[in-house]
């Protein structure tokens, strides 16, 4: 073979290798993973925050060019809007199962997650949800896991804190009758009573209400030291403004769905003094908080809100389980997901107990001072 022929053969070999490499890159198998949350309506800001964390995890994982089962794979999100509505949530769940998703990241609300979880469990699809109501993981589904600490832990810490630290003895409780709001209020009430408080009233609204004057007028006549609300910021904002208008001077205390910038905007100056509990640690105390803040800002050009770091860790736990099992088959990676023990953004040890609850979930109490959320105290989670 003369020099020209050798050169031509070498060029053809290089071209062939290049084509083969390109073909391999192009044949990365798409692996569908489901996502669902409230993407429209009054809770859309929660859903977007949640979705951003999942999107960031998907992009970071795909950037590693994962090879699973001997094939390059690419995670693709199959996203749906459940509108924070239980009926819509089950419809969405069945659609995602029919789409053959290999895992489920969501739902957000306990009220949508709990009925949807049966559909995923029956299909054998692992689900990691933001839902905090105890009922989600007490159903016994081996497919159910959490992204955040449950309300059993959060309500207990908040109730104890209200009585022993804030010295509140007479407490009125209002909830929005959702699985989240009622469940959290129930746990708070149990802990507050155990710590020595008297519950002077227990009232109910709904997650669409914006007028609480009748309820608050009744509560005012009982002269409570504290009003506890189990529900979301879109109701807590008007509630705290109406408390001020009516001359009900007891502070408002609530769960994590109130600890948002949206609440501050709705409540205005009436927000000062409001206390909220939130699963996990303050962002600046999270093991991976600083790096996550920078990455999030660069990707979305906005600040980290409440839920995205937990969504990121939950998604990464699922992807890590797939890698460990060397399979995206739910039946094969589910046992590895249950054995998760990894460092995350939110915790040095992300691990699940036998029910799918986080083993190392912390709780932090915050208070609005001069229009800003400030940290009062953190319990556990480090």
Protein backbone atom coordinates (compact mmCIF):
# COMPACT_ATOMS: atom_id res chain seq x y z
CA UNK A 1 0.00 0.00 0.00
CA UNK A 2 1.52 3.30 -1.08
CA UNK A 3 1.53 6.48 0.96
CA UNK A 4 -1.60 7.88 -0.73
CA UNK A 5 -3.58 4.69 -0.08
CA UNK A 6 -2.44 4.61 3.55
CA UNK A 7 -3.46 8.23 4.00
CA UNK A 8 -6.88 7.52 2.47
CA UNK A 9 -7.37 4.46 4.67
CA UNK A 10 -6.44 6.43 7.78
CA UNK A 11 -8.85 9.21 6.84
CA UNK A 12 -11.63 6.68 6.28
CA UNK A 13 -10.92 5.06 9.66
CA UNK A 14 -11.01 8.40 11.46
CA UNK A 15 -14.23 9.32 9.67
CA UNK A 16 -15.72 5.94 10.58
CA UNK A 17 -14.80 6.35 14.22
CA UNK A 18 -16.25 9.85 14.22
CA UNK A 19 -19.50 8.62 12.70
CA UNK A 20 -19.65 5.77 15.23
CA UNK A 21 -19.05 8.17 18.12
CA UNK A 22 -21.71 10.52 16.81
CA UNK A 23 -24.15 7.67 16.39
CA UNK A 24 -23.49 6.51 19.95
CA UNK A 25 -24.13 10.02 21.28
CA UNK A 26 -27.30 10.30 19.25
CA UNK A 27 -28.65 6.97 20.43
CA UNK A 28 -28.73 7.90 24.12
CA UNK A 29 -31.92 6.35 25.41
CA UNK A 30 -34.55 8.75 26.74
CA UNK A 31 -35.77 7.72 30.20
CA UNK A 32 -39.01 9.39 31.19
CA UNK A 33 -39.43 10.56 34.76
CA UNK A 34 -42.70 12.12 35.84
CA UNK A 35 -43.15 15.47 37.52
CA UNK A 36 -46.41 16.97 38.81
CA UNK A 37 -47.26 20.00 40.90
CA UNK A 38 -49.53 23.07 40.94
CA UNK A 39 -48.33 24.97 37.88
CA UNK A 40 -51.41 27.21 37.62
CA UNK A 41 -53.67 28.86 40.18
CA UNK A 42 -52.96 30.36 43.60
CA UNK A 43 -50.19 27.86 44.37
CA UNK A 44 -48.35 28.10 41.05
CA UNK A 45 -45.37 29.79 42.72
CA UNK A 46 -44.88 26.66 44.85
CA UNK A 47 -45.04 24.47 41.76
CA UNK A 48 -42.51 26.56 39.84
CA UNK A 49 -40.09 26.57 42.78
CA UNK A 50 -40.49 22.78 43.06
CA UNK A 51 -40.06 22.25 39.31
CA UNK A 52 -36.91 24.39 39.13
CA UNK A 53 -35.15 22.13 41.63
CA UNK A 54 -36.09 19.04 39.63
CA UNK A 55 -35.02 20.62 36.34
CA UNK A 56 -31.65 21.57 37.79
CA UNK A 57 -31.10 18.01 39.04
CA UNK A 58 -32.03 16.53 35.66
CA UNK A 59 -29.63 18.84 33.87
CA UNK A 60 -26.79 18.17 36.31
CA UNK A 61 -27.29 14.41 36.07
CA UNK A 62 -27.54 14.41 32.28
CA UNK A 63 -24.34 16.49 32.13
CA UNK A 64 -22.46 13.50 33.61
CA UNK A 65 -23.40 11.55 30.42
CA UNK A 66 -24.72 8.63 32.45
CA UNK A 67 -24.40 5.08 31.16
CA UNK A 68 -26.86 2.63 32.70
CA UNK A 69 -27.27 -0.98 31.65
CA UNK A 70 -24.44 -0.54 29.17
CA UNK A 71 -26.26 2.24 27.29
CA UNK A 72 -26.01 6.02 27.44
CA UNK A 73 -29.23 7.41 28.86
CA UNK A 74 -30.83 10.82 29.17
CA UNK A 75 -33.46 11.74 31.77
CA UNK A 76 -36.46 13.48 30.21
CA UNK A 77 -39.14 15.09 32.37
CA UNK A 78 -42.76 14.29 31.63
CA UNK A 79 -44.38 17.23 33.42
CA UNK A 80 -48.00 17.81 34.38
CA UNK A 81 -50.08 20.42 36.19
CA UNK A 82 -52.18 18.87 38.95
CA UNK A 83 -53.64 22.28 39.93
CA UNK A 84 -53.31 21.33 43.63
CA UNK A 85 -56.57 19.44 43.10
CA UNK A 86 -56.95 15.80 44.31
CA UNK A 87 -59.19 14.75 41.41
CA UNK A 88 -56.90 16.32 38.82
CA UNK A 89 -53.97 14.73 40.65
CA UNK A 90 -55.28 11.21 40.13
CA UNK A 91 -56.00 11.92 36.46
CA UNK A 92 -52.45 13.21 36.04
CA UNK A 93 -51.04 10.19 37.88
CA UNK A 94 -52.79 7.73 35.58
CA UNK A 95 -51.61 9.63 32.51
CA UNK A 96 -48.00 9.53 33.70
CA UNK A 97 -48.25 5.80 34.42
CA UNK A 98 -49.69 5.30 30.92
CA UNK A 99 -46.75 7.33 29.57
CA UNK A 100 -44.47 4.66 31.07
CA UNK A 101 -42.51 6.94 33.37
CA UNK A 102 -39.74 5.14 35.26
CA UNK A 103 -40.09 7.24 38.42
CA UNK A 104 -42.22 10.02 39.86
CA UNK A 105 -41.00 13.29 41.35
CA UNK A 106 -44.10 14.81 42.95
CA UNK A 107 -46.72 15.62 43.76
CA UNK A 108 -46.38 18.76 45.85
CA UNK A 109 -49.53 18.98 47.98
CA UNK A 110 -50.43 16.24 50.41
CA UNK A 111 -54.03 16.35 49.16
CA UNK A 112 -52.94 15.45 45.62
CA UNK A 113 -50.08 13.15 46.61
CA UNK A 114 -52.03 10.79 48.86
CA UNK A 115 -54.70 9.67 46.34
CA UNK A 116 -52.17 9.66 43.48
CA UNK A 117 -49.72 7.51 45.47
CA UNK A 118 -51.99 4.46 45.20
CA UNK A 119 -51.85 4.67 41.40
CA UNK A 120 -48.06 4.78 41.38
CA UNK A 121 -47.84 2.00 43.96
CA UNK A 122 -50.12 -0.26 41.92
CA UNK A 123 -47.87 0.34 38.90
CA UNK A 124 -44.71 -0.27 40.95
CA UNK A 125 -43.35 3.20 40.20
CA UNK A 126 -41.15 4.82 42.89
CA UNK A 127 -42.49 8.21 43.99
CA UNK A 128 -40.57 10.90 45.86
CA UNK A 129 -43.02 13.63 46.90
CA UNK A 130 -42.84 16.99 48.62
CA UNK A 131 -45.99 16.10 50.60
CA UNK A 132 -45.57 16.36 54.37
CA UNK A 133 -48.83 14.85 55.71
CA UNK A 134 -48.13 11.73 57.83
CA UNK A 135 -50.77 9.71 55.92
CA UNK A 136 -48.63 9.68 52.77
CA UNK A 137 -46.10 7.22 54.16
CA UNK A 138 -48.30 5.45 56.71
CA UNK A 139 -50.33 3.82 53.90
CA UNK A 140 -47.65 1.16 53.64
CA UNK A 141 -46.65 1.67 50.01
CA UNK A 142 -43.04 0.62 49.45
CA UNK A 143 -42.88 3.04 46.52
CA UNK A 144 -43.46 6.17 48.65
CA UNK A 145 -40.64 8.47 49.78
CA UNK A 146 -40.42 12.08 50.97
CA UNK A 147 -38.36 15.10 49.99
CA UNK A 148 -39.13 16.97 53.24
CA UNK A 149 -39.65 16.23 56.92
CA UNK A 150 -43.16 15.05 57.77
CA UNK A 151 -45.77 17.09 59.63
CA UNK A 152 -45.54 14.70 62.57
CA UNK A 153 -42.07 16.07 63.24
CA UNK A 154 -42.80 19.64 62.14
CA UNK A 155 -46.05 20.03 64.08
CA UNK A 156 -44.49 18.54 67.18
CA UNK A 157 -41.53 20.93 67.11
CA UNK A 158 -43.74 23.95 66.37
CA UNK A 159 -46.24 23.15 69.13
CA UNK A 160 -43.50 22.64 71.69
CA UNK A 161 -41.72 25.83 70.57
CA UNK A 162 -44.90 27.93 70.77
CA UNK A 163 -45.48 26.98 74.40
CA UNK A 164 -42.03 26.51 75.87
CA UNK A 165 -40.08 29.17 73.98
CA UNK A 166 -42.68 31.73 72.92
CA UNK A 167 -44.59 31.22 76.22
CA UNK A 168 -47.99 31.04 74.51
CA UNK A 169 -50.62 29.48 76.77
CA UNK A 170 -53.98 30.23 75.10
CA UNK A 171 -53.98 29.23 71.43
CA UNK A 172 -56.64 29.35 68.71
CA UNK A 173 -56.20 27.09 65.66
CA UNK A 174 -57.52 27.51 62.11
CA UNK A 175 -56.89 25.15 59.21
CA UNK A 176 -57.87 24.99 55.54
CA UNK A 177 -59.23 21.41 55.64
CA UNK A 178 -56.64 20.14 53.16
CA UNK A 179 -54.65 17.03 54.01
CA UNK A 180 -51.64 19.26 54.59
CA UNK A 181 -53.30 22.05 56.58
CA UNK A 182 -55.48 19.89 58.79
CA UNK A 183 -52.75 17.32 59.34
CA UNK A 184 -50.21 19.94 60.38
CA UNK A 185 -52.72 21.68 62.66
CA UNK A 186 -53.60 18.35 64.30
CA UNK A 187 -49.95 17.64 65.08
CA UNK A 188 -49.40 21.17 66.36
CA UNK A 189 -52.45 20.92 68.62
CA UNK A 190 -51.31 17.61 70.06
CA UNK A 191 -47.84 18.95 70.88
CA UNK A 192 -49.10 22.28 72.25
CA UNK A 193 -51.51 20.52 74.60
CA UNK A 194 -48.79 18.13 75.75
CA UNK A 195 -46.60 21.17 76.55
CA UNK A 196 -49.34 22.72 78.70
CA UNK A 197 -51.26 25.05 76.37
CA UNK A 198 -55.03 25.45 76.26
CA UNK A 199 -56.67 25.37 72.83
CA UNK A 200 -59.38 28.01 73.17
CA UNK A 201 -60.88 27.47 69.71
CA UNK A 202 -60.51 25.30 66.58
CA UNK A 203 -61.93 26.75 63.36
CA UNK A 204 -61.99 25.63 59.72
CA UNK A 205 -61.83 27.45 56.39
CA UNK A 206 -60.82 26.17 52.94
CA UNK A 207 -57.87 26.62 50.62
CA UNK A 208 -59.75 29.16 48.45
CA UNK A 209 -61.00 31.41 51.26
CA UNK A 210 -59.86 35.03 51.52
CA UNK A 211 -62.40 36.41 54.00
CA UNK A 212 -61.82 35.28 57.59
CA UNK A 213 -63.56 38.13 59.44
CA UNK A 214 -66.30 35.98 61.01
CA UNK A 215 -63.82 33.39 62.26
CA UNK A 216 -61.38 36.02 63.52
CA UNK A 217 -64.10 38.03 65.29
CA UNK A 218 -65.02 34.92 67.26
CA UNK A 219 -61.38 34.18 68.03
CA UNK A 220 -60.77 37.78 69.16
CA UNK A 221 -63.50 37.44 71.81
CA UNK A 222 -61.51 34.55 73.34
CA UNK A 223 -58.38 36.70 73.72
CA UNK A 224 -55.77 34.10 72.59
CA UNK A 225 -52.02 34.55 72.95
CA UNK A 226 -51.44 33.00 69.52
CA UNK A 227 -53.36 32.05 66.37
CA UNK A 228 -52.02 28.98 64.57
CA UNK A 229 -52.89 28.49 60.89
CA UNK A 230 -52.54 25.29 58.90
CA UNK A 231 -52.63 26.29 55.25
CA UNK A 232 -50.94 28.24 52.46
CA UNK A 233 -49.62 31.79 52.06
CA UNK A 234 -52.43 32.87 49.71
CA UNK A 235 -54.84 32.52 52.67
CA UNK A 236 -52.47 33.43 55.50
CA UNK A 237 -51.69 36.80 53.89
CA UNK A 238 -55.29 38.08 53.94
CA UNK A 239 -55.84 36.47 57.33
CA UNK A 240 -53.03 38.34 59.06
CA UNK A 241 -54.14 41.65 57.49
CA UNK A 242 -57.69 41.08 58.73
CA UNK A 243 -56.39 40.22 62.20
CA UNK A 244 -54.73 43.62 62.36
CA UNK A 245 -57.83 45.42 61.03
CA UNK A 246 -60.01 43.74 63.65
CA UNK A 247 -57.61 44.56 66.46
CA UNK A 248 -56.70 40.92 67.07
CA UNK A 249 -53.15 41.47 68.27
CA UNK A 250 -52.09 37.85 68.83
CA UNK A 251 -49.31 36.82 66.42
CA UNK A 252 -49.93 34.31 63.65
CA UNK A 253 -47.94 31.07 63.54
CA UNK A 254 -48.01 28.71 60.55
CA UNK A 255 -46.25 25.94 58.64
CA UNK A 256 -43.81 26.00 55.73
CA UNK A 257 -46.34 26.97 53.06
CA UNK A 258 -46.51 30.42 54.67
CA UNK A 259 -42.76 30.96 54.87
CA UNK A 260 -42.53 32.63 51.46
CA UNK A 261 -41.92 35.96 49.78
CA UNK A 262 -45.48 35.76 48.47
CA UNK A 263 -46.83 35.87 52.02
CA UNK A 264 -44.72 38.95 52.75
CA UNK A 265 -46.09 40.71 49.66
CA UNK A 266 -49.73 39.86 50.45
CA UNK A 267 -49.54 40.61 54.18
CA UNK A 268 -47.49 43.80 53.89
CA UNK A 269 -46.66 45.46 57.22
CA UNK A 270 -49.11 43.12 59.00
CA UNK A 271 -46.63 40.29 58.38
CA UNK A 272 -44.29 41.46 61.15
CA UNK A 273 -44.37 39.09 64.12
CA UNK A 274 -45.58 36.09 62.09
CA UNK A 275 -43.77 32.86 62.94
CA UNK A 276 -43.44 29.91 60.55
CA UNK A 277 -41.89 26.47 60.81
CA UNK A 278 -40.06 24.97 57.85
CA UNK A 279 -38.65 21.50 57.33
CA UNK A 280 -34.86 21.45 57.06
CA UNK A 281 -32.18 24.02 57.77
CA UNK A 282 -31.86 27.66 56.68
CA UNK A 283 -30.31 27.84 53.22
CA UNK A 284 -27.06 29.31 54.53
CA UNK A 285 -26.71 26.39 56.98
CA UNK A 286 -27.37 23.63 54.45
CA UNK A 287 -24.20 21.61 53.67
CA UNK A 288 -24.47 22.40 49.96
CA UNK A 289 -26.41 25.63 50.29
CA UNK A 290 -23.84 28.13 49.02
CA UNK A 291 -22.96 26.16 45.89
CA UNK A 292 -26.64 25.52 45.18
CA UNK A 293 -27.51 29.22 45.47
CA UNK A 294 -24.84 30.12 42.91
CA UNK A 295 -25.85 27.35 40.52
CA UNK A 296 -29.55 28.19 40.80
CA UNK A 297 -28.97 31.89 40.23
CA UNK A 298 -26.86 31.21 37.15
CA UNK A 299 -29.49 28.88 35.68
CA UNK A 300 -32.75 30.69 36.47
CA UNK A 301 -31.58 34.27 37.13
CA UNK A 302 -33.58 34.40 40.35
CA UNK A 303 -33.07 33.60 44.01
CA UNK A 304 -33.68 30.20 45.58
CA UNK A 305 -37.10 30.00 47.17
CA UNK A 306 -38.35 27.42 49.67
CA UNK A 307 -38.68 24.01 48.04
CA UNK A 308 -36.19 23.70 45.20
CA UNK A 309 -33.22 22.38 47.25
CA UNK A 310 -35.36 19.51 48.58
CA UNK A 311 -36.64 18.78 45.07
CA UNK A 312 -33.05 18.70 43.81
CA UNK A 313 -31.97 16.22 46.49
CA UNK A 314 -35.02 14.01 45.94
CA UNK A 315 -34.40 13.83 42.20
CA UNK A 316 -30.70 13.11 42.67
CA UNK A 317 -31.53 10.29 45.11
CA UNK A 318 -33.68 8.66 42.41
CA UNK A 319 -31.01 9.04 39.73
CA UNK A 320 -28.31 7.72 42.08
CA UNK A 321 -30.44 4.64 42.77
CA UNK A 322 -30.74 4.00 39.04
CA UNK A 323 -26.96 4.22 38.71
CA UNK A 324 -26.38 1.92 41.69
CA UNK A 325 -28.82 -0.65 40.32
CA UNK A 326 -27.39 -0.23 36.80
CA UNK A 327 -30.99 -0.14 35.65
CA UNK A 328 -33.84 2.28 35.09
CA UNK A 329 -36.35 -0.52 35.65
CA UNK A 330 -38.41 0.59 38.69
CA UNK A 331 -38.49 -2.94 40.14
CA UNK A 332 -34.70 -3.13 40.04
CA UNK A 333 -33.74 0.30 41.36
CA UNK A 334 -36.50 0.62 43.98
CA UNK A 335 -34.62 -1.51 46.57
CA UNK A 336 -31.54 0.69 46.08
CA UNK A 337 -33.61 3.84 46.49
CA UNK A 338 -34.89 2.54 49.82
CA UNK A 339 -31.26 2.10 50.92
CA UNK A 340 -30.25 5.65 49.93
CA UNK A 341 -27.46 7.07 52.08
CA UNK A 342 -25.86 10.07 50.42
CA UNK A 343 -24.77 13.63 51.01
CA UNK A 344 -27.09 16.23 49.56
CA UNK A 345 -27.60 19.96 49.30
CA UNK A 346 -29.97 19.96 52.28
CA UNK A 347 -28.33 17.35 54.52
CA UNK A 348 -25.01 15.60 55.07
CA UNK A 349 -26.94 12.33 55.22
CA UNK A 350 -29.98 11.89 53.02
CA UNK A 351 -31.50 8.55 54.01
CA UNK A 352 -34.95 7.00 54.39
CA UNK A 353 -36.48 4.93 57.16
CA UNK A 354 -38.62 1.84 56.55
CA UNK A 355 -41.69 3.99 55.75
CA UNK A 356 -39.93 6.30 53.31
CA UNK A 357 -39.64 9.22 55.73
CA UNK A 358 -36.36 11.12 55.98
CA UNK A 359 -34.22 9.83 58.85
CA UNK A 360 -32.42 13.09 59.46
CA UNK A 361 -35.10 15.71 58.93
CA UNK A 362 -34.65 18.99 60.75
CA UNK A 363 -37.08 21.81 61.50
CA UNK A 364 -36.36 25.55 61.61
CA UNK A 365 -38.53 28.29 63.11
CA UNK A 366 -38.59 31.72 61.44
CA UNK A 367 -40.09 35.09 62.35
CA UNK A 368 -40.90 38.14 60.23
CA UNK A 369 -38.97 41.15 61.51
CA UNK A 370 -39.13 44.46 59.59
CA UNK A 371 -40.64 42.70 56.60
CA UNK A 372 -38.04 39.92 56.36
CA UNK A 373 -37.90 36.31 57.49
CA UNK A 374 -35.27 35.84 60.23
CA UNK A 375 -34.14 32.58 61.80
CA UNK A 376 -35.22 31.86 65.38
CA UNK A 377 -34.08 28.29 66.00
CA UNK A 378 -33.18 25.05 64.21
CA UNK A 379 -33.82 21.57 65.58
CA UNK A 380 -31.97 18.56 64.16
CA UNK A 381 -31.17 18.03 60.49
CA UNK A 382 -27.40 18.52 60.61
